[in-house]
Amino acid sequence: MTTATIKTRDTNIHDAGFALPSETLTMPNAKGLAYGAAAARTALGSILLAHGLLKVFVFTIGGTVGFFASLGLPAIVAYMTIFAELAGGAALILGLHTRLVALLSLPILLGATWAHAGNGWVFSNAGGGWEFPLFLAVQAGIVAMLGNGALAMRRLPIIGGFIERFIPAILRG
């Protein structure tokens, strides 16, 4: 059994009405946690990439722009969504800037939840309900908290250093 010790330090969150004491947590399987984070990351990335490809090859870009217009959204939002799903999905699968990409996917996923809200809860309803987009938004939050996990490239070799100058350290992994 692999064990790892994680030490937390006092966190200044007294404004919220509580404080976390210093404690030592023992994880019986740190390797399992790393692979679990990788599985969550690649699952979310695969779904985002698949939805981006669906918008390009099945619905077509013009059809996607038309659908977004029917929701009252400008064409640029459709183009940005397609780009974000394709690039973000690929980045998550590869493990590139995982926390940042997961957080940046939240507006898209919450927007999808909004777009499907009128169709009821279950995603098998006509037009798709809001349960699956909301689940993906929660998944993105989990991926943002867990970070890269195992088998991740971590950052782009050429522009990784450039990007990291502009994002906080907590979002880099």
Protein backbone atom coordinates (compact mmCIF):
# COMPACT_ATOMS: atom_id res chain seq x y z
CA MET A 1 0.00 0.00 0.00
CA THR A 2 1.33 3.41 -0.96
CA THR A 3 0.95 6.11 1.67
CA ALA A 4 1.54 9.80 1.54
CA THR A 5 1.30 12.41 4.24
CA ILE A 6 -0.27 15.72 3.39
CA LYS A 7 0.23 18.53 5.85
CA THR A 8 -2.05 21.52 5.81
CA ARG A 9 -1.16 24.79 7.43
CA ASP A 10 -3.34 27.25 9.28
CA THR A 11 -5.55 29.00 6.80
CA ASN A 12 -6.73 32.52 7.46
CA ILE A 13 -10.44 32.16 6.84
CA HIS A 14 -11.66 33.69 10.07
CA ASP A 15 -13.91 36.02 8.04
CA ALA A 16 -16.02 32.98 7.11
CA GLY A 17 -16.49 32.19 10.79
CA PHE A 18 -14.17 29.22 11.08
CA ALA A 19 -10.54 28.30 10.80
CA LEU A 20 -8.84 25.12 9.67
CA PRO A 21 -6.32 23.83 12.22
CA SER A 22 -2.97 22.45 11.19
CA GLU A 23 -3.43 18.75 10.67
CA THR A 24 -1.81 15.77 9.05
CA LEU A 25 -3.89 13.70 6.67
CA THR A 26 -2.75 10.25 5.65
CA MET A 27 -3.79 9.10 2.22
CA PRO A 28 -3.63 5.35 1.77
CA ASN A 29 -3.32 5.59 -2.01
CA ALA A 30 -1.86 8.83 -3.34
CA LYS A 31 -1.14 7.13 -6.66
CA GLY A 32 -4.82 6.22 -6.95
CA LEU A 33 -5.76 9.86 -6.32
CA ALA A 34 -3.40 10.99 -9.09
CA TYR A 35 -4.92 8.51 -11.54
CA GLY A 36 -8.43 9.42 -10.43
CA ALA A 37 -7.68 13.09 -11.14
CA ALA A 38 -6.33 12.10 -14.56
CA ALA A 39 -9.48 10.10 -15.29
CA ALA A 40 -11.70 13.04 -14.30
CA ARG A 41 -9.57 15.40 -16.40
CA THR A 42 -9.58 13.23 -19.51
CA ALA A 43 -13.30 12.42 -19.21
CA LEU A 44 -14.20 16.11 -19.09
CA GLY A 45 -11.76 16.88 -21.90
CA SER A 46 -13.17 14.10 -24.07
CA ILE A 47 -16.73 15.35 -23.63
CA LEU A 48 -15.76 18.96 -24.38
CA LEU A 49 -13.80 17.90 -27.47
CA ALA A 50 -16.67 15.69 -28.66
CA HIS A 51 -19.15 18.55 -28.28
CA GLY A 52 -16.87 20.91 -30.18
CA LEU A 53 -16.49 18.37 -33.01
CA LEU A 54 -20.27 17.84 -32.99
CA LYS A 55 -20.78 21.57 -33.52
CA VAL A 56 -18.31 21.61 -36.43
CA PHE A 57 -19.10 18.38 -38.30
CA VAL A 58 -22.72 17.52 -37.46
CA PHE A 59 -24.52 20.76 -36.67
CA THR A 60 -22.00 22.71 -38.82
CA ILE A 61 -20.57 26.03 -37.76
CA GLY A 62 -23.35 27.90 -39.55
CA GLY A 63 -26.00 25.77 -37.86
CA THR A 64 -24.38 26.34 -34.47
CA VAL A 65 -24.28 30.10 -35.05
CA GLY A 66 -27.95 29.95 -36.05
CA PHE A 67 -28.87 28.02 -32.91
CA PHE A 68 -27.02 30.49 -30.70
CA ALA A 69 -28.83 33.33 -32.52
CA SER A 70 -32.17 31.64 -31.76
CA LEU A 71 -31.21 31.89 -28.08
CA GLY A 72 -30.51 35.60 -28.51
CA LEU A 73 -26.73 35.20 -28.39
CA PRO A 74 -24.38 36.92 -30.84
CA ALA A 75 -22.44 34.86 -33.40
CA ILE A 76 -19.13 35.53 -31.64
CA VAL A 77 -20.36 33.51 -28.65
CA ALA A 78 -20.92 30.48 -30.88
CA TYR A 79 -17.44 30.80 -32.41
CA MET A 80 -15.84 31.24 -28.98
CA THR A 81 -17.75 28.23 -27.64
CA ILE A 82 -16.61 26.01 -30.51
CA PHE A 83 -13.00 27.14 -30.08
CA ALA A 84 -13.11 26.71 -26.31
CA GLU A 85 -14.60 23.23 -26.52
CA LEU A 86 -12.05 22.08 -29.12
CA ALA A 87 -8.95 23.72 -27.60
CA GLY A 88 -10.03 23.24 -24.00
CA GLY A 89 -11.00 19.62 -24.53
CA ALA A 90 -7.65 18.84 -26.16
CA ALA A 91 -5.78 20.71 -23.41
CA LEU A 92 -7.56 18.74 -20.69
CA ILE A 93 -6.91 15.41 -22.38
CA LEU A 94 -3.21 16.27 -22.64
CA GLY A 95 -3.06 17.79 -19.14
CA LEU A 96 -2.08 21.31 -20.23
CA HIS A 97 -2.92 24.09 -17.76
CA THR A 98 -5.64 21.87 -16.31
CA ARG A 99 -6.93 24.12 -13.53
CA LEU A 100 -7.11 27.19 -15.74
CA VAL A 101 -8.82 25.34 -18.60
CA ALA A 102 -11.35 23.70 -16.25
CA LEU A 103 -12.23 27.08 -14.75
CA LEU A 104 -12.50 28.69 -18.19
CA SER A 105 -14.91 25.94 -19.26
CA LEU A 106 -17.36 26.84 -16.48
CA PRO A 107 -19.05 29.75 -18.33
CA ILE A 108 -19.65 27.48 -21.33
CA LEU A 109 -21.07 24.68 -19.19
CA LEU A 110 -23.23 27.01 -17.12
CA GLY A 111 -24.39 28.62 -20.37
CA ALA A 112 -25.35 25.17 -21.66
CA THR A 113 -27.24 24.56 -18.41
CA TRP A 114 -29.12 27.82 -19.00
CA ALA A 115 -29.84 26.92 -22.64
CA HIS A 116 -31.31 23.55 -21.61
CA ALA A 117 -33.12 24.77 -18.46
CA GLY A 118 -36.47 25.13 -20.21
CA ASN A 119 -36.40 21.51 -21.38
CA GLY A 120 -36.81 19.97 -17.94
CA TRP A 121 -34.38 18.09 -15.76
CA VAL A 122 -33.65 14.84 -17.59
CA PHE A 123 -31.27 15.13 -20.53
CA SER A 124 -33.28 12.54 -22.48
CA ASN A 125 -36.18 15.02 -22.72
CA ALA A 126 -36.84 16.64 -26.09
CA GLY A 127 -34.14 19.28 -26.56
CA GLY A 128 -32.12 17.85 -23.67
CA GLY A 129 -32.63 18.81 -20.04
CA TRP A 130 -30.24 20.60 -17.74
CA GLU A 131 -28.91 17.64 -15.69
CA PHE A 132 -25.96 16.73 -17.95
CA PRO A 133 -24.65 20.29 -18.49
CA LEU A 134 -24.89 20.95 -14.75
CA PHE A 135 -23.07 17.69 -14.03
CA LEU A 136 -20.30 18.76 -16.41
CA ALA A 137 -20.06 22.14 -14.66
CA VAL A 138 -19.62 20.33 -11.33
CA GLN A 139 -17.07 18.02 -12.99
CA ALA A 140 -15.14 21.08 -14.22
CA GLY A 141 -15.08 22.43 -10.66
CA ILE A 142 -13.76 19.10 -9.39
CA VAL A 143 -11.08 18.99 -12.10
CA ALA A 144 -10.09 22.57 -11.22
CA MET A 145 -9.65 21.55 -7.58
CA LEU A 146 -7.77 18.30 -8.30
CA GLY A 147 -5.42 19.65 -10.96
CA ASN A 148 -3.47 17.62 -13.51
CA GLY A 149 -3.22 14.24 -11.86
CA ALA A 150 -1.07 11.58 -13.50
CA LEU A 151 0.01 11.42 -17.14
CA ALA A 152 -0.17 15.16 -17.80
CA MET A 153 2.03 17.30 -20.04
CA ARG A 154 1.55 20.15 -17.51
CA ARG A 155 2.20 23.09 -19.88
CA LEU A 156 2.91 23.88 -23.49
CA PRO A 157 6.66 23.72 -24.10
CA ILE A 158 6.84 26.85 -26.29
CA ILE A 159 4.38 29.28 -24.71
CA GLY A 160 3.96 27.70 -21.27
CA GLY A 161 6.35 30.10 -19.60
CA PHE A 162 4.62 33.05 -21.24
CA ILE A 163 1.20 31.92 -20.03
CA GLU A 164 2.45 31.23 -16.53
CA ARG A 165 3.61 34.82 -16.10
CA PHE A 166 -0.02 35.91 -16.30
CA ILE A 167 -1.84 33.31 -14.24
CA PRO A 168 -1.63 32.76 -10.50
CA ALA A 169 0.44 29.81 -9.31
CA ILE A 170 -2.63 28.03 -7.93
CA LEU A 171 -4.08 27.77 -11.45
CA ARG A 172 -0.97 26.33 -13.05
CA GLY A 173 -1.36 22.65 -12.16
